Amino acid sequence: MPRSKSFHDIFIDELHDAYDAEKQLIKALPKLARAAKSEELRTAFEEHLTETQGQVTRLEEVFASLKEKPRGKHCDGIAGIIEEGKSLLEEDIDESAIDACLIAAGQRAEHYEIAAYGSLIAWARAMEHTEAADLLEETLEEEKAADEKLTTLAEGGINEKAAHEGEEDQEDKGENEAESPSRGKASSSRRASTAKKGARKG
């Protein structure tokens, strides 16, 4: 019968999970950057890609401090978030709303990572893995900063632009729909008038 996993074993498993999550995000972030309409948002994604690459290296330092091999364990959580983002990019979305949607997708990933690293740091400190905890703390601060940057961009005009232009589109659509029946009635009236004239001539 296999032995039960210890707290340390679970901690290592979660580090493997985080390692895989960062590797997945390295592949996903360039797609978000390419899809962004705002130059600032594109830059934010590109800068966080560079940070994420550094976070992978930092996790390898964490594994070294624990005398463990750096390897990944498939992170289902981040995979699901990335898949949602991918599905979003495949939808027919108004151009004004794309950046707002990209920010939401990016922040879902950040919040997942903030929660994961928060737990890893608490566990590392409880087991007195001080070096590992300090390294993980650096990454946590980067994730929080990235999340705050996305919030700033959203509140700095991206969400308002999406909402404002979306309202204008709805108003235009409503006006077009309102005009259509009138045009239809006018055409019917003209046809009826023509028919009457033809009947009188006959």
N, C-alpha and C. Protein backbone atom coordinates (compact mmCIF):
# COMPACT_ATOMS: atom_id res chain seq x y z
N MET A 1 0.85 -1.20 0.00
CA MET A 1 0.00 0.00 0.00
C MET A 1 0.89 1.25 0.00
N PRO A 2 0.67 2.18 -0.96
CA PRO A 2 1.51 3.38 -1.01
C PRO A 2 1.27 4.28 0.20
N ARG A 3 2.33 4.97 0.61
CA ARG A 3 2.19 5.84 1.78
C ARG A 3 1.39 7.09 1.41
N SER A 4 0.77 7.67 2.40
CA SER A 4 0.02 8.90 2.19
C SER A 4 0.99 10.04 1.92
N LYS A 5 0.55 11.00 1.12
CA LYS A 5 1.40 12.15 0.83
C LYS A 5 1.51 13.06 2.06
N SER A 6 2.71 13.52 2.30
CA SER A 6 2.95 14.44 3.40
C SER A 6 2.66 15.87 2.95
N PHE A 7 2.67 16.79 3.89
CA PHE A 7 2.48 18.20 3.58
C PHE A 7 3.57 18.67 2.61
N HIS A 8 4.78 18.20 2.82
CA HIS A 8 5.90 18.56 1.94
C HIS A 8 5.68 18.03 0.52
N ASP A 9 5.19 16.81 0.42
CA ASP A 9 4.91 16.21 -0.89
C ASP A 9 3.88 17.04 -1.67
N ILE A 10 2.84 17.46 -0.97
CA ILE A 10 1.80 18.26 -1.61
C ILE A 10 2.36 19.61 -2.05
N PHE A 11 3.21 20.17 -1.21
CA PHE A 11 3.87 21.44 -1.52
C PHE A 11 4.67 21.32 -2.82
N ILE A 12 5.42 20.25 -2.95
CA ILE A 12 6.22 20.03 -4.17
C ILE A 12 5.30 19.83 -5.38
N ASP A 13 4.21 19.10 -5.18
CA ASP A 13 3.24 18.90 -6.27
C ASP A 13 2.70 20.25 -6.76
N GLU A 14 2.39 21.13 -5.82
CA GLU A 14 1.85 22.44 -6.18
C GLU A 14 2.89 23.31 -6.87
N LEU A 15 4.15 23.13 -6.52
CA LEU A 15 5.23 23.84 -7.23
C LEU A 15 5.32 23.36 -8.68
N HIS A 16 5.18 22.04 -8.87
CA HIS A 16 5.18 21.48 -10.23
C HIS A 16 3.99 22.05 -11.03
N ASP A 17 2.86 22.21 -10.36
CA ASP A 17 1.66 22.76 -10.97
C ASP A 17 1.91 24.22 -11.40
N ALA A 18 2.53 24.99 -10.52
CA ALA A 18 2.84 26.40 -10.82
C ALA A 18 3.84 26.51 -11.96
N TYR A 19 4.79 25.60 -11.99
CA TYR A 19 5.81 25.60 -13.05
C TYR A 19 5.15 25.38 -14.41
N ASP A 20 4.22 24.44 -14.45
CA ASP A 20 3.51 24.16 -15.70
C ASP A 20 2.62 25.35 -16.08
N ALA A 21 1.98 25.95 -15.10
CA ALA A 21 1.10 27.10 -15.35
C ALA A 21 1.87 28.23 -16.03
N GLU A 22 3.07 28.52 -15.52
CA GLU A 22 3.87 29.60 -16.10
C GLU A 22 4.30 29.25 -17.53
N LYS A 23 4.62 27.98 -17.76
CA LYS A 23 5.00 27.55 -19.11
C LYS A 23 3.82 27.72 -20.08
N GLN A 24 2.61 27.39 -19.61
CA GLN A 24 1.43 27.56 -20.45
C GLN A 24 1.19 29.04 -20.77
N LEU A 25 1.41 29.90 -19.78
CA LEU A 25 1.18 31.32 -19.98
C LEU A 25 2.20 31.95 -20.93
N ILE A 26 3.39 31.40 -20.96
CA ILE A 26 4.41 31.88 -21.90
C ILE A 26 3.93 31.69 -23.34
N LYS A 27 3.16 30.64 -23.57
CA LYS A 27 2.61 30.39 -24.91
C LYS A 27 1.37 31.25 -25.18
N ALA A 28 0.61 31.54 -24.12
CA ALA A 28 -0.67 32.24 -24.29
C ALA A 28 -0.53 33.76 -24.37
N LEU A 29 0.39 34.34 -23.62
CA LEU A 29 0.50 35.80 -23.56
C LEU A 29 0.77 36.48 -24.91
N PRO A 30 1.62 35.90 -25.78
CA PRO A 30 1.83 36.54 -27.09
C PRO A 30 0.54 36.65 -27.90
N LYS A 31 -0.37 35.70 -27.75
CA LYS A 31 -1.65 35.73 -28.48
C LYS A 31 -2.51 36.88 -27.97
N LEU A 32 -2.50 37.09 -26.64
CA LEU A 32 -3.26 38.21 -26.08
C LEU A 32 -2.68 39.53 -26.56
N ALA A 33 -1.36 39.61 -26.60
CA ALA A 33 -0.69 40.84 -27.04
C ALA A 33 -1.04 41.16 -28.49
N ARG A 34 -1.03 40.14 -29.33
CA ARG A 34 -1.34 40.35 -30.76
C ARG A 34 -2.79 40.79 -30.97
N ALA A 35 -3.68 40.32 -30.11
CA ALA A 35 -5.10 40.63 -30.26
C ALA A 35 -5.46 42.02 -29.73
N ALA A 36 -4.61 42.58 -28.86
CA ALA A 36 -4.91 43.87 -28.24
C ALA A 36 -4.93 45.00 -29.26
N LYS A 37 -5.90 45.89 -29.12
CA LYS A 37 -6.00 47.08 -29.99
C LYS A 37 -5.24 48.25 -29.38
N SER A 38 -5.26 48.34 -28.05
CA SER A 38 -4.56 49.42 -27.35
C SER A 38 -3.07 49.13 -27.29
N GLU A 39 -2.26 50.11 -27.64
CA GLU A 39 -0.81 49.95 -27.59
C GLU A 39 -0.35 49.71 -26.15
N GLU A 40 -0.99 50.40 -25.21
CA GLU A 40 -0.62 50.24 -23.80
C GLU A 40 -0.92 48.82 -23.31
N LEU A 41 -2.05 48.29 -23.71
CA LEU A 41 -2.41 46.94 -23.29
C LEU A 41 -1.46 45.93 -23.92
N ARG A 42 -1.15 46.12 -25.20
CA ARG A 42 -0.21 45.23 -25.88
C ARG A 42 1.13 45.23 -25.14
N THR A 43 1.60 46.41 -24.78
CA THR A 43 2.87 46.53 -24.06
C THR A 43 2.80 45.84 -22.70
N ALA A 44 1.67 45.98 -22.01
CA ALA A 44 1.50 45.35 -20.69
C ALA A 44 1.61 43.84 -20.80
N PHE A 45 0.98 43.25 -21.82
CA PHE A 45 1.06 41.80 -22.01
C PHE A 45 2.49 41.38 -22.36
N GLU A 46 3.16 42.16 -23.20
CA GLU A 46 4.53 41.83 -23.60
C GLU A 46 5.49 41.92 -22.41
N GLU A 47 5.29 42.94 -21.58
CA GLU A 47 6.15 43.09 -20.40
C GLU A 47 5.92 41.94 -19.42
N HIS A 48 4.66 41.53 -19.29
CA HIS A 48 4.38 40.42 -18.36
C HIS A 48 4.90 39.10 -18.91
N LEU A 49 4.97 38.98 -20.22
CA LEU A 49 5.58 37.79 -20.82
C LEU A 49 7.03 37.68 -20.38
N THR A 50 7.75 38.79 -20.43
CA THR A 50 9.16 38.81 -19.99
C THR A 50 9.25 38.44 -18.52
N GLU A 51 8.32 38.98 -17.71
CA GLU A 51 8.30 38.66 -16.28
C GLU A 51 8.03 37.17 -16.07
N THR A 52 7.10 36.63 -16.84
CA THR A 52 6.73 35.22 -16.71
C THR A 52 7.91 34.31 -17.03
N GLN A 53 8.67 34.67 -18.03
CA GLN A 53 9.87 33.90 -18.35
C GLN A 53 10.85 33.92 -17.18
N GLY A 54 10.94 35.07 -16.51
CA GLY A 54 11.79 35.18 -15.32
C GLY A 54 11.23 34.37 -14.16
N GLN A 55 9.91 34.26 -14.09
CA GLN A 55 9.27 33.50 -13.02
C GLN A 55 9.54 32.01 -13.15
N VAL A 56 9.65 31.54 -14.40
CA VAL A 56 10.00 30.14 -14.64
C VAL A 56 11.41 29.88 -14.10
N THR A 57 12.31 30.79 -14.41
CA THR A 57 13.70 30.67 -13.92
C THR A 57 13.73 30.71 -12.39
N ARG A 58 12.90 31.59 -11.81
CA ARG A 58 12.86 31.70 -10.35
C ARG A 58 12.33 30.42 -9.71
N LEU A 59 11.33 29.82 -10.35
CA LEU A 59 10.81 28.55 -9.82
C LEU A 59 11.88 27.47 -9.87
N GLU A 60 12.71 27.51 -10.90
CA GLU A 60 13.81 26.54 -10.99
C GLU A 60 14.79 26.75 -9.83
N GLU A 61 14.96 28.00 -9.41
CA GLU A 61 15.79 28.29 -8.23
C GLU A 61 15.13 27.76 -6.96
N VAL A 62 13.80 27.85 -6.91
CA VAL A 62 13.06 27.31 -5.76
C VAL A 62 13.27 25.80 -5.67
N PHE A 63 13.12 25.12 -6.81
CA PHE A 63 13.35 23.66 -6.82
C PHE A 63 14.77 23.33 -6.38
N ALA A 64 15.74 24.09 -6.85
CA ALA A 64 17.14 23.85 -6.49
C ALA A 64 17.34 24.01 -4.98
N SER A 65 16.69 25.02 -4.39
CA SER A 65 16.83 25.25 -2.95
C SER A 65 16.25 24.10 -2.13
N LEU A 66 15.31 23.39 -2.74
CA LEU A 66 14.66 22.25 -2.06
C LEU A 66 15.25 20.91 -2.50
N LYS A 67 16.28 21.00 -3.37
CA LYS A 67 16.92 19.79 -3.91
C LYS A 67 15.91 18.90 -4.66
N GLU A 68 15.08 19.56 -5.45
CA GLU A 68 14.07 18.88 -6.26
C GLU A 68 14.31 19.21 -7.73
N LYS A 69 13.89 18.30 -8.61
CA LYS A 69 14.03 18.55 -10.04
C LYS A 69 12.89 19.46 -10.53
N PRO A 70 13.21 20.43 -11.36
CA PRO A 70 12.17 21.31 -11.90
C PRO A 70 11.40 20.62 -13.03
N ARG A 71 10.21 20.23 -12.76
CA ARG A 71 9.38 19.63 -13.80
C ARG A 71 7.94 20.06 -13.58
N GLY A 72 7.16 20.00 -14.64
CA GLY A 72 5.78 20.44 -14.55
C GLY A 72 4.80 19.32 -14.32
N LYS A 73 3.72 19.68 -13.69
CA LYS A 73 2.57 18.78 -13.52
C LYS A 73 1.39 19.54 -14.13
N HIS A 74 0.72 18.98 -15.12
CA HIS A 74 -0.28 19.73 -15.88
C HIS A 74 -1.24 20.50 -14.97
N CYS A 75 -1.30 21.80 -15.18
CA CYS A 75 -2.17 22.67 -14.39
C CYS A 75 -3.52 22.81 -15.09
N ASP A 76 -4.50 22.06 -14.62
CA ASP A 76 -5.83 22.10 -15.23
C ASP A 76 -6.49 23.46 -15.07
N GLY A 77 -6.22 24.11 -13.93
CA GLY A 77 -6.85 25.39 -13.65
C GLY A 77 -6.48 26.45 -14.67
N ILE A 78 -5.19 26.64 -14.89
CA ILE A 78 -4.76 27.68 -15.83
C ILE A 78 -5.10 27.25 -17.27
N ALA A 79 -5.09 25.96 -17.53
CA ALA A 79 -5.45 25.47 -18.87
C ALA A 79 -6.89 25.86 -19.19
N GLY A 80 -7.78 25.74 -18.21
CA GLY A 80 -9.18 26.11 -18.41
C GLY A 80 -9.34 27.60 -18.67
N ILE A 81 -8.59 28.41 -17.92
CA ILE A 81 -8.65 29.86 -18.09
C ILE A 81 -8.13 30.26 -19.47
N ILE A 82 -7.05 29.62 -19.90
CA ILE A 82 -6.49 29.91 -21.23
C ILE A 82 -7.47 29.49 -22.32
N GLU A 83 -8.13 28.35 -22.14
CA GLU A 83 -9.10 27.88 -23.13
C GLU A 83 -10.26 28.85 -23.25
N GLU A 84 -10.70 29.41 -22.11
CA GLU A 84 -11.77 30.41 -22.15
C GLU A 84 -11.33 31.64 -22.94
N GLY A 85 -10.09 32.05 -22.71
CA GLY A 85 -9.56 33.20 -23.44
C GLY A 85 -9.47 32.92 -24.93
N LYS A 86 -9.07 31.71 -25.27
CA LYS A 86 -8.97 31.31 -26.68
C LYS A 86 -10.34 31.34 -27.34
N SER A 87 -11.34 30.82 -26.65
CA SER A 87 -12.70 30.82 -27.19
C SER A 87 -13.20 32.24 -27.40
N LEU A 88 -12.83 33.12 -26.48
CA LEU A 88 -13.23 34.53 -26.57
C LEU A 88 -12.68 35.17 -27.84
N LEU A 89 -11.41 34.88 -28.14
CA LEU A 89 -10.77 35.47 -29.31
C LEU A 89 -11.36 34.95 -30.62
N GLU A 90 -12.01 33.80 -30.56
CA GLU A 90 -12.61 33.21 -31.76
C GLU A 90 -14.02 33.75 -32.02
N GLU A 91 -14.57 34.49 -31.05
CA GLU A 91 -15.92 35.04 -31.21
C GLU A 91 -15.89 36.33 -32.02
N ASP A 92 -17.05 36.68 -32.58
CA ASP A 92 -17.19 37.92 -33.34
C ASP A 92 -17.55 39.04 -32.36
N ILE A 93 -16.53 39.75 -31.88
CA ILE A 93 -16.71 40.78 -30.86
C ILE A 93 -16.48 42.16 -31.47
N ASP A 94 -17.30 43.15 -31.05
CA ASP A 94 -17.09 44.52 -31.50
C ASP A 94 -15.67 44.94 -31.17
N GLU A 95 -15.02 45.63 -32.10
CA GLU A 95 -13.63 46.04 -31.90
C GLU A 95 -13.44 46.86 -30.63
N SER A 96 -14.43 47.68 -30.29
CA SER A 96 -14.34 48.53 -29.10
C SER A 96 -14.33 47.72 -27.81
N ALA A 97 -14.84 46.49 -27.86
CA ALA A 97 -14.96 45.67 -26.65
C ALA A 97 -13.82 44.65 -26.50
N ILE A 98 -13.01 44.49 -27.53
CA ILE A 98 -11.97 43.45 -27.50
C ILE A 98 -11.00 43.64 -26.34
N ASP A 99 -10.49 44.87 -26.17
CA ASP A 99 -9.50 45.10 -25.12
C ASP A 99 -10.08 44.86 -23.72
N ALA A 100 -11.33 45.25 -23.52
CA ALA A 100 -11.98 45.01 -22.22
C ALA A 100 -12.06 43.51 -21.94
N CYS A 101 -12.37 42.73 -22.96
CA CYS A 101 -12.45 41.28 -22.82
C CYS A 101 -11.08 40.66 -22.56
N LEU A 102 -10.06 41.18 -23.23
CA LEU A 102 -8.70 40.68 -23.03
C LEU A 102 -8.22 40.95 -21.61
N ILE A 103 -8.56 42.12 -21.08
CA ILE A 103 -8.18 42.45 -19.71
C ILE A 103 -8.84 41.48 -18.73
N ALA A 104 -10.13 41.19 -18.97
CA ALA A 104 -10.84 40.26 -18.10
C ALA A 104 -10.19 38.88 -18.13
N ALA A 105 -9.79 38.44 -19.33
CA ALA A 105 -9.13 37.13 -19.47
C ALA A 105 -7.79 37.13 -18.75
N GLY A 106 -7.02 38.22 -18.92
CA GLY A 106 -5.72 38.32 -18.26
C GLY A 106 -5.85 38.34 -16.75
N GLN A 107 -6.86 39.04 -16.25
CA GLN A 107 -7.01 39.13 -14.79
C GLN A 107 -7.49 37.83 -14.17
N ARG A 108 -8.25 37.04 -14.93
CA ARG A 108 -8.63 35.72 -14.39
C ARG A 108 -7.37 34.89 -14.13
N ALA A 109 -6.42 34.95 -15.06
CA ALA A 109 -5.17 34.21 -14.89
C ALA A 109 -4.37 34.76 -13.72
N GLU A 110 -4.31 36.10 -13.61
CA GLU A 110 -3.55 36.71 -12.52
C GLU A 110 -4.13 36.34 -11.16
N HIS A 111 -5.44 36.38 -11.05
CA HIS A 111 -6.07 36.07 -9.76
C HIS A 111 -5.84 34.61 -9.37
N TYR A 112 -5.85 33.74 -10.36
CA TYR A 112 -5.55 32.32 -10.10
C TYR A 112 -4.13 32.18 -9.54
N GLU A 113 -3.20 32.87 -10.19
CA GLU A 113 -1.80 32.77 -9.77
C GLU A 113 -1.55 33.42 -8.41
N ILE A 114 -2.21 34.54 -8.17
CA ILE A 114 -2.06 35.21 -6.88
C ILE A 114 -2.50 34.28 -5.75
N ALA A 115 -3.62 33.60 -5.95
CA ALA A 115 -4.10 32.65 -4.94
C ALA A 115 -3.12 31.49 -4.77
N ALA A 116 -2.61 30.97 -5.89
CA ALA A 116 -1.69 29.82 -5.84
C ALA A 116 -0.39 30.18 -5.13
N TYR A 117 0.20 31.32 -5.51
CA TYR A 117 1.48 31.71 -4.90
C TYR A 117 1.30 32.10 -3.43
N GLY A 118 0.14 32.68 -3.10
CA GLY A 118 -0.11 33.02 -1.70
C GLY A 118 -0.07 31.78 -0.81
N SER A 119 -0.70 30.72 -1.29
CA SER A 119 -0.70 29.46 -0.53
C SER A 119 0.70 28.85 -0.47
N LEU A 120 1.41 28.85 -1.59
CA LEU A 120 2.77 28.28 -1.62
C LEU A 120 3.70 28.99 -0.65
N ILE A 121 3.59 30.31 -0.58
CA ILE A 121 4.44 31.08 0.34
C ILE A 121 4.12 30.73 1.79
N ALA A 122 2.82 30.66 2.10
CA ALA A 122 2.41 30.33 3.47
C ALA A 122 2.92 28.94 3.85
N TRP A 123 2.83 27.99 2.94
CA TRP A 123 3.30 26.63 3.21
C TRP A 123 4.81 26.60 3.37
N ALA A 124 5.50 27.31 2.49
CA ALA A 124 6.97 27.33 2.55
C ALA A 124 7.45 27.89 3.89
N ARG A 125 6.81 28.95 4.35
CA ARG A 125 7.21 29.55 5.63
C ARG A 125 6.88 28.64 6.80
N ALA A 126 5.74 27.93 6.70
CA ALA A 126 5.36 27.00 7.78
C ALA A 126 6.38 25.88 7.92
N MET A 127 6.97 25.46 6.78
CA MET A 127 7.98 24.39 6.80
C MET A 127 9.41 24.93 6.89
N GLU A 128 9.52 26.25 7.06
CA GLU A 128 10.81 26.93 7.22
C GLU A 128 11.70 26.81 5.98
N HIS A 129 11.06 26.78 4.82
CA HIS A 129 11.81 26.85 3.55
C HIS A 129 11.96 28.34 3.20
N THR A 130 12.79 29.01 3.94
CA THR A 130 12.89 30.48 3.86
C THR A 130 13.30 30.97 2.48
N GLU A 131 14.32 30.34 1.89
CA GLU A 131 14.79 30.77 0.58
C GLU A 131 13.69 30.61 -0.47
N ALA A 132 13.02 29.48 -0.43
CA ALA A 132 11.93 29.23 -1.38
C ALA A 132 10.82 30.26 -1.19
N ALA A 133 10.48 30.54 0.06
CA ALA A 133 9.41 31.49 0.36
C ALA A 133 9.76 32.88 -0.16
N ASP A 134 11.00 33.30 0.02
CA ASP A 134 11.43 34.63 -0.43
C ASP A 134 11.37 34.74 -1.95
N LEU A 135 11.78 33.68 -2.64
CA LEU A 135 11.74 33.68 -4.10
C LEU A 135 10.29 33.73 -4.60
N LEU A 136 9.44 32.94 -3.97
CA LEU A 136 8.03 32.91 -4.36
C LEU A 136 7.36 34.26 -4.08
N GLU A 137 7.82 34.92 -3.03
CA GLU A 137 7.27 36.25 -2.69
C GLU A 137 7.54 37.26 -3.80
N GLU A 138 8.72 37.15 -4.41
CA GLU A 138 9.06 38.05 -5.52
C GLU A 138 8.07 37.87 -6.68
N THR A 139 7.78 36.62 -6.97
CA THR A 139 6.84 36.34 -8.06
C THR A 139 5.44 36.83 -7.72
N LEU A 140 5.01 36.61 -6.47
CA LEU A 140 3.69 37.06 -6.06
C LEU A 140 3.54 38.57 -6.24
N GLU A 141 4.57 39.32 -5.89
CA GLU A 141 4.52 40.78 -6.03
C GLU A 141 4.41 41.18 -7.51
N GLU A 142 5.08 40.43 -8.38
CA GLU A 142 4.98 40.71 -9.82
C GLU A 142 3.57 40.44 -10.34
N GLU A 143 2.96 39.36 -9.84
CA GLU A 143 1.60 39.02 -10.28
C GLU A 143 0.61 40.08 -9.81
N LYS A 144 0.79 40.56 -8.59
CA LYS A 144 -0.10 41.61 -8.07
C LYS A 144 0.06 42.90 -8.87
N ALA A 145 1.31 43.23 -9.22
CA ALA A 145 1.57 44.44 -9.99
C ALA A 145 0.96 44.34 -11.39
N ALA A 146 1.05 43.15 -12.00
CA ALA A 146 0.47 42.94 -13.33
C ALA A 146 -1.05 43.10 -13.28
N ASP A 147 -1.67 42.56 -12.22
CA ASP A 147 -3.11 42.67 -12.05
C ASP A 147 -3.52 44.13 -11.88
N GLU A 148 -2.76 44.87 -11.08
CA GLU A 148 -3.06 46.28 -10.85
C GLU A 148 -2.90 47.09 -12.14
N LYS A 149 -1.91 46.73 -12.95
CA LYS A 149 -1.70 47.41 -14.22
C LYS A 149 -2.91 47.22 -15.13
N LEU A 150 -3.42 46.02 -15.19
CA LEU A 150 -4.59 45.74 -16.02
C LEU A 150 -5.82 46.51 -15.51
N THR A 151 -5.96 46.59 -14.19
CA THR A 151 -7.07 47.36 -13.61
C THR A 151 -6.96 48.83 -13.98
N THR A 152 -5.75 49.36 -13.91
CA THR A 152 -5.51 50.76 -14.26
C THR A 152 -5.88 51.03 -15.72
N LEU A 153 -5.50 50.13 -16.61
CA LEU A 153 -5.82 50.28 -18.03
C LEU A 153 -7.33 50.21 -18.26
N ALA A 154 -7.98 49.27 -17.56
CA ALA A 154 -9.43 49.13 -17.71
C ALA A 154 -10.15 50.38 -17.25
N GLU A 155 -9.75 50.89 -16.08
CA GLU A 155 -10.40 52.06 -15.51
C GLU A 155 -9.93 53.36 -16.17
N GLY A 156 -8.84 53.27 -16.91
CA GLY A 156 -8.29 54.46 -17.55
C GLY A 156 -8.92 54.79 -18.89
N GLY A 157 -9.95 54.06 -19.27
CA GLY A 157 -10.64 54.41 -20.50
C GLY A 157 -11.10 53.24 -21.35
N ILE A 158 -10.46 52.08 -21.19
CA ILE A 158 -10.81 50.94 -22.05
C ILE A 158 -12.24 50.46 -21.81
N ASN A 159 -12.63 50.31 -20.53
CA ASN A 159 -14.00 49.86 -20.24
C ASN A 159 -15.03 50.92 -20.65
N GLU A 160 -14.71 52.18 -20.38
CA GLU A 160 -15.62 53.27 -20.73
C GLU A 160 -15.81 53.36 -22.25
N LYS A 161 -14.71 53.21 -22.98
CA LYS A 161 -14.79 53.25 -24.44
C LYS A 161 -15.67 52.11 -24.95
N ALA A 162 -15.48 50.92 -24.40
CA ALA A 162 -16.28 49.77 -24.83
C ALA A 162 -17.76 50.00 -24.55
N ALA A 163 -18.06 50.55 -23.36
CA ALA A 163 -19.45 50.79 -22.99
C ALA A 163 -20.07 51.89 -23.85
N HIS A 164 -19.32 52.99 -24.07
CA HIS A 164 -19.83 54.13 -24.83
C HIS A 164 -20.09 53.78 -26.29
N GLU A 165 -19.08 53.16 -26.91
CA GLU A 165 -19.24 52.79 -28.32
C GLU A 165 -20.28 51.69 -28.50
N GLY A 166 -20.39 50.84 -27.49
CA GLY A 166 -21.41 49.79 -27.53
C GLY A 166 -22.81 50.38 -27.50
N GLU A 167 -23.01 51.44 -26.68
CA GLU A 167 -24.30 52.12 -26.60
C GLU A 167 -24.64 52.78 -27.94
N GLU A 168 -23.63 53.41 -28.55
CA GLU A 168 -23.85 54.06 -29.85
C GLU A 168 -24.26 53.05 -30.91
N ASP A 169 -23.61 51.88 -30.89
CA ASP A 169 -23.95 50.83 -31.85
C ASP A 169 -25.40 50.38 -31.66
N GLN A 170 -25.81 50.25 -30.39
CA GLN A 170 -27.18 49.82 -30.10
C GLN A 170 -28.19 50.86 -30.56
N GLU A 171 -27.84 52.15 -30.35
CA GLU A 171 -28.72 53.24 -30.77
C GLU A 171 -28.87 53.25 -32.29
N ASP A 172 -27.74 53.09 -32.99
CA ASP A 172 -27.78 53.06 -34.45
C ASP A 172 -28.63 51.89 -34.95
N LYS A 173 -28.47 50.76 -34.29
CA LYS A 173 -29.22 49.57 -34.68
C LYS A 173 -30.71 49.80 -34.47
N GLY A 174 -31.04 50.43 -33.31
CA GLY A 174 -32.44 50.72 -33.01
C GLY A 174 -33.06 51.66 -34.01
N GLU A 175 -32.29 52.69 -34.41
CA GLU A 175 -32.79 53.65 -35.40
C GLU A 175 -33.03 52.98 -36.74
N ASN A 176 -32.12 52.12 -37.14
CA ASN A 176 -32.27 51.41 -38.42
C ASN A 176 -33.50 50.52 -38.42
N GLU A 177 -33.72 49.85 -37.27
CA GLU A 177 -34.88 48.96 -37.17
C GLU A 177 -36.17 49.76 -37.18
N ALA A 178 -36.12 50.96 -36.57
CA ALA A 178 -37.32 51.80 -36.51
C ALA A 178 -37.66 52.36 -37.89
N GLU A 179 -36.62 52.63 -38.68
CA GLU A 179 -36.84 53.20 -40.01
C GLU A 179 -37.35 52.16 -41.01
N SER A 180 -36.96 50.92 -40.83
CA SER A 180 -37.30 49.87 -41.79
C SER A 180 -38.80 49.71 -42.02
N PRO A 181 -39.64 49.64 -40.95
CA PRO A 181 -41.08 49.49 -41.18
C PRO A 181 -41.66 50.67 -41.95
N SER A 182 -41.16 51.88 -41.66
CA SER A 182 -41.65 53.08 -42.34
C SER A 182 -41.38 53.00 -43.83
N ARG A 183 -40.15 52.58 -44.16
CA ARG A 183 -39.80 52.44 -45.57
C ARG A 183 -40.68 51.40 -46.24
N GLY A 184 -40.99 50.34 -45.48
CA GLY A 184 -41.83 49.28 -46.01
C GLY A 184 -43.23 49.78 -46.28
N LYS A 185 -43.76 50.62 -45.33
CA LYS A 185 -45.11 51.16 -45.51
C LYS A 185 -45.16 52.11 -46.69
N ALA A 186 -44.09 52.94 -46.84
CA ALA A 186 -44.05 53.89 -47.95
C ALA A 186 -44.07 53.16 -49.28
N SER A 187 -43.32 52.07 -49.35
CA SER A 187 -43.27 51.28 -50.59
C SER A 187 -44.63 50.69 -50.90
N SER A 188 -45.31 50.21 -49.83
CA SER A 188 -46.63 49.61 -50.02
C SER A 188 -47.61 50.65 -50.52
N SER A 189 -47.52 51.88 -49.96
CA SER A 189 -48.41 52.96 -50.37
C SER A 189 -48.20 53.31 -51.83
N ARG A 190 -46.92 53.37 -52.22
CA ARG A 190 -46.63 53.69 -53.62
C ARG A 190 -47.19 52.62 -54.56
N ARG A 191 -47.03 51.35 -54.14
CA ARG A 191 -47.54 50.26 -54.98
C ARG A 191 -49.06 50.33 -55.10
N ALA A 192 -49.71 50.66 -53.97
CA ALA A 192 -51.18 50.74 -53.97
C ALA A 192 -51.65 51.87 -54.86
N SER A 193 -50.97 53.01 -54.77
CA SER A 193 -51.32 54.18 -55.58
C SER A 193 -51.18 53.88 -57.06
N THR A 194 -50.08 53.21 -57.40
CA THR A 194 -49.84 52.85 -58.81
C THR A 194 -50.93 51.92 -59.32
N ALA A 195 -51.32 51.00 -58.47
CA ALA A 195 -52.36 50.03 -58.86
C ALA A 195 -53.69 50.73 -59.12
N LYS A 196 -54.05 51.74 -58.29
CA LYS A 196 -55.29 52.46 -58.45
C LYS A 196 -55.30 53.23 -59.76
N LYS A 197 -54.17 53.90 -60.05
CA LYS A 197 -54.07 54.66 -61.30
C LYS A 197 -54.26 53.75 -62.50
N GLY A 198 -53.64 52.58 -62.40
CA GLY A 198 -53.75 51.61 -63.51
C GLY A 198 -55.19 51.19 -63.69
N ALA A 199 -55.92 51.01 -62.57
CA ALA A 199 -57.30 50.56 -62.65
C ALA A 199 -58.17 51.63 -63.28
N ARG A 200 -57.92 52.93 -62.93
CA ARG A 200 -58.72 54.03 -63.50
C ARG A 200 -58.50 54.14 -65.01
N LYS A 201 -57.27 53.93 -65.46
CA LYS A 201 -56.97 53.99 -66.89
C LYS A 201 -57.69 52.88 -67.63
N GLY A 202 -57.78 51.70 -66.97
CA GLY A 202 -58.43 50.58 -67.61
C GLY A 202 -59.93 50.87 -67.75
